[in-house]
C-alpha atoms as a PDB file:
ATOM      1  CA  UNK A   1      19.954  -3.545 -22.882  1.00  0.00           C
ATOM      2  CA  UNK A   2      19.953  -0.227 -24.488  1.00  0.00           C
ATOM      3  CA  UNK A   3      22.186   0.864 -27.262  1.00  0.00           C
ATOM      4  CA  UNK A   4      24.971   3.147 -27.018  1.00  0.00           C
ATOM      5  CA  UNK A   5      23.141   6.059 -28.417  1.00  0.00           C
ATOM      6  CA  UNK A   6      20.306   5.273 -26.243  1.00  0.00           C
ATOM      7  CA  UNK A   7      22.215   5.069 -23.164  1.00  0.00           C
ATOM      8  CA  UNK A   8      24.417   8.304 -24.102  1.00  0.00           C
ATOM      9  CA  UNK A   9      20.801  10.283 -24.570  1.00  0.00           C
ATOM     10  CA  UNK A  10      19.411   8.759 -21.147  1.00  0.00           C
ATOM     11  CA  UNK A  11      22.560   9.943 -19.366  1.00  0.00           C
ATOM     12  CA  UNK A  12      22.196  13.245 -20.585  1.00  0.00           C
ATOM     13  CA  UNK A  13      18.664  13.577 -19.567  1.00  0.00           C
ATOM     14  CA  UNK A  14      19.378  12.461 -16.239  1.00  0.00           C
ATOM     15  CA  UNK A  15      22.009  15.127 -15.961  1.00  0.00           C
ATOM     16  CA  UNK A  16      20.162  17.845 -17.069  1.00  0.00           C
ATOM     17  CA  UNK A  17      17.069  16.767 -14.562  1.00  0.00           C
ATOM     18  CA  UNK A  18      19.735  16.727 -11.738  1.00  0.00           C
ATOM     19  CA  UNK A  19      21.543  19.847 -12.724  1.00  0.00           C
ATOM     20  CA  UNK A  20      19.120  22.419 -10.999  1.00  0.00           C
ATOM     21  CA  UNK A  21      19.704  23.278  -7.706  1.00  0.00           C
ATOM     22  CA  UNK A  22      17.361  22.230  -4.919  1.00  0.00           C
ATOM     23  CA  UNK A  23      14.501  24.630  -3.923  1.00  0.00           C
ATOM     24  CA  UNK A  24      13.927  24.975  -0.172  1.00  0.00           C
ATOM     25  CA  UNK A  25      10.148  24.614   0.587  1.00  0.00           C
ATOM     26  CA  UNK A  26       7.964  27.322   2.346  1.00  0.00           C
ATOM     27  CA  UNK A  27       6.984  25.142   5.232  1.00  0.00           C
ATOM     28  CA  UNK A  28       7.832  21.559   6.346  1.00  0.00           C
ATOM     29  CA  UNK A  29       5.644  19.335   8.391  1.00  0.00           C
ATOM     30  CA  UNK A  30       5.794  16.124   9.904  1.00  0.00           C
ATOM     31  CA  UNK A  31       3.099  13.475   9.752  1.00  0.00           C
ATOM     32  CA  UNK A  32       5.141  11.074  12.165  1.00  0.00           C
ATOM     33  CA  UNK A  33       7.981  10.638  14.307  1.00  0.00           C
ATOM     34  CA  UNK A  34      10.759   9.284  11.887  1.00  0.00           C
ATOM     35  CA  UNK A  35      13.043  11.864  10.159  1.00  0.00           C
ATOM     36  CA  UNK A  36      11.697  10.642   6.857  1.00  0.00           C
ATOM     37  CA  UNK A  37       8.099  11.185   7.948  1.00  0.00           C
ATOM     38  CA  UNK A  38       7.838  14.904   6.596  1.00  0.00           C
ATOM     39  CA  UNK A  39       5.916  16.523   3.835  1.00  0.00           C
ATOM     40  CA  UNK A  40       7.497  19.832   2.203  1.00  0.00           C
ATOM     41  CA  UNK A  41       4.801  22.440   0.866  1.00  0.00           C
ATOM     42  CA  UNK A  42       5.401  24.931  -1.621  1.00  0.00           C
ATOM     43  CA  UNK A  43       2.767  27.789  -1.773  1.00  0.00           C
ATOM     44  CA  UNK A  44       1.782  29.161  -5.195  1.00  0.00           C
ATOM     45  CA  UNK A  45       4.003  31.268  -7.267  1.00  0.00           C
ATOM     46  CA  UNK A  46       2.166  32.579 -10.084  1.00  0.00           C
ATOM     47  CA  UNK A  47       4.034  34.105 -12.963  1.00  0.00           C
ATOM     48  CA  UNK A  48       4.261  33.985 -16.750  1.00  0.00           C
ATOM     49  CA  UNK A  49       3.982  29.872 -16.319  1.00  0.00           C
ATOM     50  CA  UNK A  50       0.604  30.120 -14.158  1.00  0.00           C
ATOM     51  CA  UNK A  51      -2.347  28.579 -15.871  1.00  0.00           C
ATOM     52  CA  UNK A  52      -5.103  29.696 -13.415  1.00  0.00           C
ATOM     53  CA  UNK A  53      -5.779  31.872 -10.375  1.00  0.00           C
ATOM     54  CA  UNK A  54      -3.873  31.173  -7.485  1.00  0.00           C
ATOM     55  CA  UNK A  55      -6.497  31.281  -4.853  1.00  0.00           C
ATOM     56  CA  UNK A  56      -7.970  29.100  -3.854  1.00  0.00           C
ATOM     57  CA  UNK A  57      -5.148  26.616  -5.333  1.00  0.00           C
ATOM     58  CA  UNK A  58      -5.476  22.946  -6.231  1.00  0.00           C
ATOM     59  CA  UNK A  59      -3.220  20.623  -4.186  1.00  0.00           C
ATOM     60  CA  UNK A  60      -0.573  18.558  -6.145  1.00  0.00           C
ATOM     61  CA  UNK A  61       0.789  16.157  -4.111  1.00  0.00           C
ATOM     62  CA  UNK A  62       4.049  14.720  -5.217  1.00  0.00           C
ATOM     63  CA  UNK A  63       5.812  11.075  -4.668  1.00  0.00           C
ATOM     64  CA  UNK A  64       9.461  11.214  -5.627  1.00  0.00           C
ATOM     65  CA  UNK A  65      11.208   8.243  -7.348  1.00  0.00           C
ATOM     66  CA  UNK A  66      14.476   6.618  -7.027  1.00  0.00           C
ATOM     67  CA  UNK A  67      13.357   2.836  -6.998  1.00  0.00           C
ATOM     68  CA  UNK A  68      12.453   3.088  -3.249  1.00  0.00           C
ATOM     69  CA  UNK A  69      16.072   3.424  -2.436  1.00  0.00           C
ATOM     70  CA  UNK A  70      17.401   5.644   0.333  1.00  0.00           C
ATOM     71  CA  UNK A  71      20.072   7.311  -1.691  1.00  0.00           C
ATOM     72  CA  UNK A  72      17.298   8.925  -3.580  1.00  0.00           C
ATOM     73  CA  UNK A  73      15.120  11.577  -1.396  1.00  0.00           C
ATOM     74  CA  UNK A  74      12.632  14.144  -2.183  1.00  0.00           C
ATOM     75  CA  UNK A  75      15.353  16.729  -2.667  1.00  0.00           C
ATOM     76  CA  UNK A  76      15.815  15.789  -6.298  1.00  0.00           C
ATOM     77  CA  UNK A  77      12.183  16.630  -7.331  1.00  0.00           C
ATOM     78  CA  UNK A  78      12.363  19.905  -5.454  1.00  0.00           C
ATOM     79  CA  UNK A  79      12.941  21.918  -8.869  1.00  0.00           C
ATOM     80  CA  UNK A  80       9.915  19.956 -10.300  1.00  0.00           C
ATOM     81  CA  UNK A  81       7.779  21.053  -7.279  1.00  0.00           C
ATOM     82  CA  UNK A  82       8.653  24.530  -7.196  1.00  0.00           C
ATOM     83  CA  UNK A  83       7.844  24.140 -11.166  1.00  0.00           C
ATOM     84  CA  UNK A  84       4.375  23.132 -10.311  1.00  0.00           C
ATOM     85  CA  UNK A  85       4.150  26.088  -7.712  1.00  0.00           C
ATOM     86  CA  UNK A  86       4.792  28.494 -10.535  1.00  0.00           C
ATOM     87  CA  UNK A  87       2.110  27.164 -12.546  1.00  0.00           C
ATOM     88  CA  UNK A  88      -0.235  28.057  -9.648  1.00  0.00           C
ATOM     89  CA  UNK A  89      -0.540  24.984  -7.628  1.00  0.00           C
ATOM     90  CA  UNK A  90      -0.091  24.282  -3.755  1.00  0.00           C
ATOM     91  CA  UNK A  91       2.470  21.420  -3.917  1.00  0.00           C
ATOM     92  CA  UNK A  92       3.150  18.880  -1.154  1.00  0.00           C
ATOM     93  CA  UNK A  93       6.433  17.083  -1.617  1.00  0.00           C
ATOM     94  CA  UNK A  94       6.111  13.839   0.303  1.00  0.00           C
ATOM     95  CA  UNK A  95       9.035  11.932   2.065  1.00  0.00           C
ATOM     96  CA  UNK A  96       8.919   8.396   2.976  1.00  0.00           C
ATOM     97  CA  UNK A  97      11.068   5.714   4.411  1.00  0.00           C
ATOM     98  CA  UNK A  98      13.069   3.766   1.689  1.00  0.00           C
ATOM     99  CA  UNK A  99      15.634   0.894   1.591  1.00  0.00           C
ATOM    100  CA  UNK A 100      19.275   0.992   1.839  1.00  0.00           C
ATOM    101  CA  UNK A 101      19.456   2.377   5.373  1.00  0.00           C
ATOM    102  CA  UNK A 102      20.958   0.636   8.263  1.00  0.00           C
ATOM    103  CA  UNK A 103      18.530  -1.668   9.586  1.00  0.00           C
ATOM    104  CA  UNK A 104      16.151  -1.336   6.370  1.00  0.00           C
ATOM    105  CA  UNK A 105      14.422  -4.078   4.993  1.00  0.00           C
ATOM    106  CA  UNK A 106      13.969  -5.407   1.382  1.00  0.00           C
ATOM    107  CA  UNK A 107      17.012  -7.180   0.897  1.00  0.00           C
ATOM    108  CA  UNK A 108      16.897  -8.876  -2.250  1.00  0.00           C
ATOM    109  CA  UNK A 109      20.039 -10.669  -2.786  1.00  0.00           C
ATOM    110  CA  UNK A 110      21.254  -8.350  -5.748  1.00  0.00           C
ATOM    111  CA  UNK A 111      24.891  -8.077  -4.687  1.00  0.00           C
ATOM    112  CA  UNK A 112      26.229  -4.475  -4.072  1.00  0.00           C
ATOM    113  CA  UNK A 113      22.671  -2.977  -5.205  1.00  0.00           C
ATOM    114  CA  UNK A 114      21.005  -1.351  -2.169  1.00  0.00           C
ATOM    115  CA  UNK A 115      17.646  -2.753  -1.189  1.00  0.00           C
ATOM    116  CA  UNK A 116      14.804  -1.008  -2.567  1.00  0.00           C
ATOM    117  CA  UNK A 117      12.055  -0.239  -0.178  1.00  0.00           C
ATOM    118  CA  UNK A 118      11.355  -1.036   3.378  1.00  0.00           C
ATOM    119  CA  UNK A 119       8.344  -3.621   4.023  1.00  0.00           C
ATOM    120  CA  UNK A 120       5.933  -2.506   5.451  1.00  0.00           C
ATOM    121  CA  UNK A 121       7.392   0.856   6.429  1.00  0.00           C
ATOM    122  CA  UNK A 122       7.366   2.436   2.681  1.00  0.00           C
ATOM    123  CA  UNK A 123       3.592   1.766   2.291  1.00  0.00           C
ATOM    124  CA  UNK A 124       2.719   2.592   6.259  1.00  0.00           C
ATOM    125  CA  UNK A 125       4.389   6.104   5.674  1.00  0.00           C
ATOM    126  CA  UNK A 126       2.633   6.800   2.147  1.00  0.00           C
ATOM    127  CA  UNK A 127      -0.749   5.865   3.727  1.00  0.00           C
ATOM    128  CA  UNK A 128      -0.033   7.929   6.817  1.00  0.00           C
ATOM    129  CA  UNK A 129       0.946  11.000   4.624  1.00  0.00           C
ATOM    130  CA  UNK A 130      -2.055  10.803   2.402  1.00  0.00           C
ATOM    131  CA  UNK A 131      -4.303  10.529   5.424  1.00  0.00           C
ATOM    132  CA  UNK A 132      -2.634  13.430   7.264  1.00  0.00           C
ATOM    133  CA  UNK A 133      -2.235  15.691   4.197  1.00  0.00           C
ATOM    134  CA  UNK A 134      -5.656  17.677   4.120  1.00  0.00           C
ATOM    135  CA  UNK A 135      -5.185  19.124   7.601  1.00  0.00           C
ATOM    136  CA  UNK A 136      -1.504  19.482   7.117  1.00  0.00           C
ATOM    137  CA  UNK A 137      -1.862  21.434   3.977  1.00  0.00           C
ATOM    138  CA  UNK A 138      -4.655  23.543   5.137  1.00  0.00           C
ATOM    139  CA  UNK A 139      -2.315  24.822   8.064  1.00  0.00           C
ATOM    140  CA  UNK A 140       0.642  24.879   6.030  1.00  0.00           C
ATOM    141  CA  UNK A 141      -0.877  26.753   3.072  1.00  0.00           C
ATOM    142  CA  UNK A 142      -4.266  28.524   4.084  1.00  0.00           C
ATOM    143  CA  UNK A 143      -5.138  29.135   0.233  1.00  0.00           C
ATOM    144  CA  UNK A 144      -5.234  25.600  -0.455  1.00  0.00           C
ATOM    145  CA  UNK A 145      -8.223  23.902  -2.007  1.00  0.00           C
ATOM    146  CA  UNK A 146      -7.942  20.270  -0.792  1.00  0.00           C
ATOM    147  CA  UNK A 147     -11.126  19.355  -2.419  1.00  0.00           C
ATOM    148  CA  UNK A 148      -9.190  19.640  -5.710  1.00  0.00           C
ATOM    149  CA  UNK A 149      -6.355  17.352  -5.050  1.00  0.00           C
ATOM    150  CA  UNK A 150      -4.198  15.592  -7.659  1.00  0.00           C
ATOM    151  CA  UNK A 151      -1.804  12.832  -7.072  1.00  0.00           C
ATOM    152  CA  UNK A 152       1.372  12.598  -8.984  1.00  0.00           C
ATOM    153  CA  UNK A 153       4.459  10.753  -8.580  1.00  0.00           C
ATOM    154  CA  UNK A 154       7.535   9.789 -10.907  1.00  0.00           C
ATOM    155  CA  UNK A 155       8.809   6.244 -11.398  1.00  0.00           C
ATOM    156  CA  UNK A 156       8.778   4.251  -8.088  1.00  0.00           C
ATOM    157  CA  UNK A 157       6.819   7.191  -7.032  1.00  0.00           C
ATOM    158  CA  UNK A 158       4.400   6.887  -9.889  1.00  0.00           C
ATOM    159  CA  UNK A 159       3.759   3.207  -8.461  1.00  0.00           C
ATOM    160  CA  UNK A 160       3.179   4.723  -4.930  1.00  0.00           C
ATOM    161  CA  UNK A 161       0.782   7.249  -6.582  1.00  0.00           C
ATOM    162  CA  UNK A 162      -1.296   4.446  -8.338  1.00  0.00           C
ATOM    163  CA  UNK A 163      -1.183   2.503  -5.068  1.00  0.00           C
ATOM    164  CA  UNK A 164      -2.147   5.076  -2.788  1.00  0.00           C
ATOM    165  CA  UNK A 165      -5.319   5.830  -4.997  1.00  0.00           C
ATOM    166  CA  UNK A 166      -6.129   2.309  -4.960  1.00  0.00           C
ATOM    167  CA  UNK A 167      -6.234   1.585  -1.229  1.00  0.00           C
ATOM    168  CA  UNK A 168      -9.875   1.133  -1.218  1.00  0.00           C
ATOM    169  CA  UNK A 169      -9.704  -2.019  -3.356  1.00  0.00           C
ATOM    170  CA  UNK A 170      -6.724  -3.361  -1.404  1.00  0.00           C
ATOM    171  CA  UNK A 171      -7.411  -6.883   0.055  1.00  0.00           C
ATOM    172  CA  UNK A 172      -9.589  -6.810   3.081  1.00  0.00           C
ATOM    173  CA  UNK A 173      -6.769  -7.809   5.609  1.00  0.00           C
ATOM    174  CA  UNK A 174      -4.718  -5.018   4.119  1.00  0.00           C
ATOM    175  CA  UNK A 175      -3.780  -2.675   7.129  1.00  0.00           C
ATOM    176  CA  UNK A 176      -3.820   0.355   4.861  1.00  0.00           C
ATOM    177  CA  UNK A 177      -7.183  -0.690   3.267  1.00  0.00           C
ATOM    178  CA  UNK A 178      -9.865   2.415   3.622  1.00  0.00           C
ATOM    179  CA  UNK A 179     -13.571   2.109   3.265  1.00  0.00           C
ATOM    180  CA  UNK A 180     -13.812   4.275   0.357  1.00  0.00           C
ATOM    181  CA  UNK A 181     -11.891   5.851  -2.538  1.00  0.00           C
ATOM    182  CA  UNK A 182      -9.518   8.710  -1.636  1.00  0.00           C
ATOM    183  CA  UNK A 183     -11.231  12.036  -2.269  1.00  0.00           C
ATOM    184  CA  UNK A 184      -8.874  12.825  -5.474  1.00  0.00           C
ATOM    185  CA  UNK A 185      -9.427  14.690  -8.596  1.00  0.00           C
ATOM    186  CA  UNK A 186      -7.099  12.099 -10.243  1.00  0.00           C
ATOM    187  CA  UNK A 187      -3.663  10.597 -10.403  1.00  0.00           C
ATOM    188  CA  UNK A 188      -0.971  11.640 -12.992  1.00  0.00           C
ATOM    189  CA  UNK A 189       1.674   8.960 -12.670  1.00  0.00           C
ATOM    190  CA  UNK A 190       4.756   9.510 -14.508  1.00  0.00           C
ATOM    191  CA  UNK A 191       6.715   6.295 -15.967  1.00  0.00           C
ATOM    192  CA  UNK A 192       5.323   4.554 -13.084  1.00  0.00           C
ATOM    193  CA  UNK A 193       6.466   1.024 -11.914  1.00  0.00           C
ATOM    194  CA  UNK A 194       2.758   0.116 -12.701  1.00  0.00           C
ATOM    195  CA  UNK A 195       3.211  -3.811 -13.184  1.00  0.00           C
ATOM    196  CA  UNK A 196       5.534  -5.898 -11.233  1.00  0.00           C
ATOM    197  CA  UNK A 197       5.494  -8.679 -13.302  1.00  0.00           C
ATOM    198  CA  UNK A 198       6.471  -6.985 -16.560  1.00  0.00           C
ATOM    199  CA  UNK A 199       8.803  -4.855 -14.455  1.00  0.00           C
ATOM    200  CA  UNK A 200      10.323  -8.007 -13.215  1.00  0.00           C
ATOM    201  CA  UNK A 201      10.859  -9.358 -16.709  1.00  0.00           C
ATOM    202  CA  UNK A 202      12.497  -6.221 -17.803  1.00  0.00           C
ATOM    203  CA  UNK A 203      14.717  -6.341 -14.743  1.00  0.00           C
ATOM    204  CA  UNK A 204      13.729  -2.882 -13.934  1.00  0.00           C
ATOM    205  CA  UNK A 205      16.017  -0.953 -11.523  1.00  0.00           C
ATOM    206  CA  UNK A 206      17.735  -4.124 -10.760  1.00  0.00           C
ATOM    207  CA  UNK A 207      14.733  -6.112  -9.481  1.00  0.00           C
ATOM    208  CA  UNK A 208      13.685  -3.463  -7.327  1.00  0.00           C
ATOM    209  CA  UNK A 209       9.906  -4.747  -7.158  1.00  0.00           C
ATOM    210  CA  UNK A 210      11.280  -7.918  -5.751  1.00  0.00           C
ATOM    211  CA  UNK A 211      13.397  -5.961  -3.158  1.00  0.00           C
ATOM    212  CA  UNK A 212      10.460  -3.684  -2.147  1.00  0.00           C
ATOM    213  CA  UNK A 213       8.807  -6.647  -1.258  1.00  0.00           C
ATOM    214  CA  UNK A 214      11.085  -8.100   0.668  1.00  0.00           C
ATOM    215  CA  UNK A 215      13.007 -10.549  -1.713  1.00  0.00           C
ATOM    216  CA  UNK A 216      11.652 -13.436  -3.716  1.00  0.00           C
ATOM    217  CA  UNK A 217      10.613 -15.604  -1.001  1.00  0.00           C
ATOM    218  CA  UNK A 218       7.991 -12.885   0.036  1.00  0.00           C
ATOM    219  CA  UNK A 219       7.111 -11.541  -3.209  1.00  0.00           C
ATOM    220  CA  UNK A 220       4.238 -13.947  -3.959  1.00  0.00           C
ATOM    221  CA  UNK A 221       2.579 -13.483  -0.716  1.00  0.00           C
ATOM    222  CA  UNK A 222       2.821  -9.631  -0.747  1.00  0.00           C
ATOM    223  CA  UNK A 223       2.638  -8.799  -4.272  1.00  0.00           C
ATOM    224  CA  UNK A 224      -1.462  -8.716  -3.849  1.00  0.00           C
ATOM    225  CA  UNK A 225      -1.044  -6.004  -1.439  1.00  0.00           C
ATOM    226  CA  UNK A 226       1.391  -3.916  -3.531  1.00  0.00           C
ATOM    227  CA  UNK A 227       1.051  -4.081  -7.159  1.00  0.00           C
ATOM    228  CA  UNK A 228      -1.056  -1.493  -8.863  1.00  0.00           C
ATOM    229  CA  UNK A 229      -1.920  -3.739 -11.823  1.00  0.00           C
ATOM    230  CA  UNK A 230      -3.722  -6.139  -9.285  1.00  0.00           C
ATOM    231  CA  UNK A 231      -5.760  -3.227  -7.707  1.00  0.00           C
ATOM    232  CA  UNK A 232      -8.148  -2.476 -10.652  1.00  0.00           C
ATOM    233  CA  UNK A 233     -10.484  -0.876 -11.225  1.00  0.00           C
ATOM    234  CA  UNK A 234     -10.080   2.101  -8.793  1.00  0.00           C
ATOM    235  CA  UNK A 235     -12.947   4.332 -10.254  1.00  0.00           C
ATOM    236  CA  UNK A 236     -10.558   7.150  -9.808  1.00  0.00           C
ATOM    237  CA  UNK A 237      -9.249   9.271 -13.154  1.00  0.00           C
ATOM    238  CA  UNK A 238      -5.879   8.089 -14.018  1.00  0.00           C
ATOM    239  CA  UNK A 239      -3.461   9.336 -16.500  1.00  0.00           C
ATOM    240  CA  UNK A 240      -0.296   7.844 -17.213  1.00  0.00           C
ATOM    241  CA  UNK A 241       2.779   9.971 -18.869  1.00  0.00           C
ATOM    242  CA  UNK A 242       5.551   8.180 -20.447  1.00  0.00           C
ATOM    243  CA  UNK A 243       8.450   8.504 -22.631  1.00  0.00           C
ATOM    244  CA  UNK A 244       8.861   5.804 -25.548  1.00  0.00           C
ATOM    245  CA  UNK A 245      12.597   5.966 -25.150  1.00  0.00           C
ATOM    246  CA  UNK A 246      12.564   5.347 -21.508  1.00  0.00           C
ATOM    247  CA  UNK A 247      15.242   2.827 -20.763  1.00  0.00           C
ATOM    248  CA  UNK A 248      14.805   2.954 -17.093  1.00  0.00           C
ATOM    249  CA  UNK A 249      11.227   1.992 -16.850  1.00  0.00           C
ATOM    250  CA  UNK A 250      10.227   0.902 -20.195  1.00  0.00           C
ATOM    251  CA  UNK A 251       6.915   2.070 -21.754  1.00  0.00           C
ATOM    252  CA  UNK A 252       5.763  -1.686 -21.823  1.00  0.00           C
ATOM    253  CA  UNK A 253       5.237  -1.279 -17.983  1.00  0.00           C
ATOM    254  CA  UNK A 254       2.849   1.466 -18.513  1.00  0.00           C
ATOM    255  CA  UNK A 255       1.109   0.035 -21.466  1.00  0.00           C
ATOM    256  CA  UNK A 256       0.567  -3.241 -19.446  1.00  0.00           C
ATOM    257  CA  UNK A 257      -1.315  -1.344 -16.860  1.00  0.00           C
ATOM    258  CA  UNK A 258      -3.464   0.558 -19.083  1.00  0.00           C
ATOM    259  CA  UNK A 259      -4.411  -2.546 -20.976  1.00  0.00           C
ATOM    260  CA  UNK A 260      -5.120  -4.353 -17.647  1.00  0.00           C
ATOM    261  CA  UNK A 261      -7.538  -1.327 -16.681  1.00  0.00           C
ATOM    262  CA  UNK A 262      -9.270  -1.575 -19.873  1.00  0.00           C
ATOM    263  CA  UNK A 263     -10.000  -5.410 -19.221  1.00  0.00           C
ATOM    264  CA  UNK A 264     -11.157  -4.375 -15.841  1.00  0.00           C
ATOM    265  CA  UNK A 265     -13.527  -1.784 -17.507  1.00  0.00           C
ATOM    266  CA  UNK A 266     -11.798   1.373 -16.546  1.00  0.00           C
ATOM    267  CA  UNK A 267     -10.407   3.867 -19.065  1.00  0.00           C
ATOM    268  CA  UNK A 268      -6.988   5.114 -18.089  1.00  0.00           C
ATOM    269  CA  UNK A 269      -5.088   7.691 -20.201  1.00  0.00           C
ATOM    270  CA  UNK A 270      -1.822   6.966 -21.765  1.00  0.00           C
ATOM    271  CA  UNK A 271       0.348   9.790 -23.012  1.00  0.00           C
ATOM    272  CA  UNK A 272       3.380   8.524 -24.713  1.00  0.00           C
ATOM    273  CA  UNK A 273       5.709  11.012 -25.706  1.00  0.00           C
ATOM    274  CA  UNK A 274       8.264  10.402 -28.716  1.00  0.00           C
ATOM    275  CA  UNK A 275      11.889  10.786 -28.136  1.00  0.00           C
ATOM    276  CA  UNK A 276      11.473  11.195 -24.483  1.00  0.00           C
ATOM    277  CA  UNK A 277      13.186   9.119 -21.638  1.00  0.00           C
ATOM    278  CA  UNK A 278      12.700   8.742 -18.098  1.00  0.00           C
ATOM    279  CA  UNK A 279      14.055  12.061 -16.519  1.00  0.00           C
ATOM    280  CA  UNK A 280      12.373  14.619 -18.697  1.00  0.00           C
ATOM    281  CA  UNK A 281       8.995  14.280 -16.942  1.00  0.00           C
ATOM    282  CA  UNK A 282      10.531  16.058 -13.972  1.00  0.00           C
ATOM    283  CA  UNK A 283      13.077  18.261 -15.505  1.00  0.00           C
ATOM    284  CA  UNK A 284      11.627  21.853 -15.640  1.00  0.00           C
ATOM    285  CA  UNK A 285      14.042  22.603 -18.533  1.00  0.00           C
ATOM    286  CA  UNK A 286      12.255  19.833 -20.705  1.00  0.00           C
ATOM    287  CA  UNK A 287       9.239  20.034 -22.718  1.00  0.00           C
ATOM    288  CA  UNK A 288       7.986  17.060 -21.309  1.00  0.00           C
ATOM    289  CA  UNK A 289       7.447  18.525 -18.061  1.00  0.00           C
ATOM    290  CA  UNK A 290       5.075  21.159 -19.410  1.00  0.00           C
ATOM    291  CA  UNK A 291       3.062  18.302 -20.772  1.00  0.00           C
ATOM    292  CA  UNK A 292       2.868  16.839 -17.335  1.00  0.00           C
ATOM    293  CA  UNK A 293       1.863  20.148 -15.964  1.00  0.00           C
ATOM    294  CA  UNK A 294      -1.038  20.432 -18.463  1.00  0.00           C
ATOM    295  CA  UNK A 295      -2.148  16.620 -17.485  1.00  0.00           C
ATOM    296  CA  UNK A 296      -2.277  17.877 -13.866  1.00  0.00           C
ATOM    297  CA  UNK A 297      -4.086  21.139 -14.454  1.00  0.00           C
ATOM    298  CA  UNK A 298      -6.914  19.190 -16.724  1.00  0.00           C
ATOM    299  CA  UNK A 299      -7.563  17.276 -13.453  1.00  0.00           C
ATOM    300  CA  UNK A 300      -7.288  20.174 -10.845  1.00  0.00           C
ATOM    301  CA  UNK A 301      -9.144  22.975 -12.565  1.00  0.00           C
END
């Protein structure tokens, strides 16, 4: 458990990240029939923060966090999406089905805590969104260069980003498996829930990983289809950005993934930021957000 000072700092960081007003997208496109199967697109808004010419512009795909729970939707990362657009990127902010809705799956028996994720709906949606993205992006923002696509995600979204980049190494019977690797320049995963075993030991987000897979009885059967640490190596350039002071998804989770990648013969970058917690990574007012943008730019350009 975090001490009082760490908890207070974490609360202040969260308040800052959520203090920015939502930013409406330029275009919203559907990749399915469910109301949550949509993608918001932001065209480049070059200004003093821009790091490269706006046209043609790389595509940054954002997968939001929130422990895969319905109460957290894509709106909370729209300031982050707009921040990346001001850096000269085309940004796709992906929504997907989460747990806690009426009829949703993933009950984990955690008392009053809403269930995390919907099996298999959450994974169905991310796979479908990534498959549809190139054509949807070109229609929504014509100046996009889909050949320079970087996938990023925060927390539970960081997990989904790593998972989406590893679909070609899923078990052969996985419905989401692809024949080859996704055409990505790379992945920048922000405080990702990247190792389910370590996350469970640390009780990350009230055992959200267990709930995501449908509860304890289904966990052992389904984990091999969902846990990024079991889907290595991917052959796709991957960087993790993590705050050392994170009390929501502690740095041990990211470190375990990086260590597993090394054992699998793959080099995964790990940027550990001192005196940074969970939310500054997506907070445009925080210095950590600029670090994230630079990591993305290094892959995209």
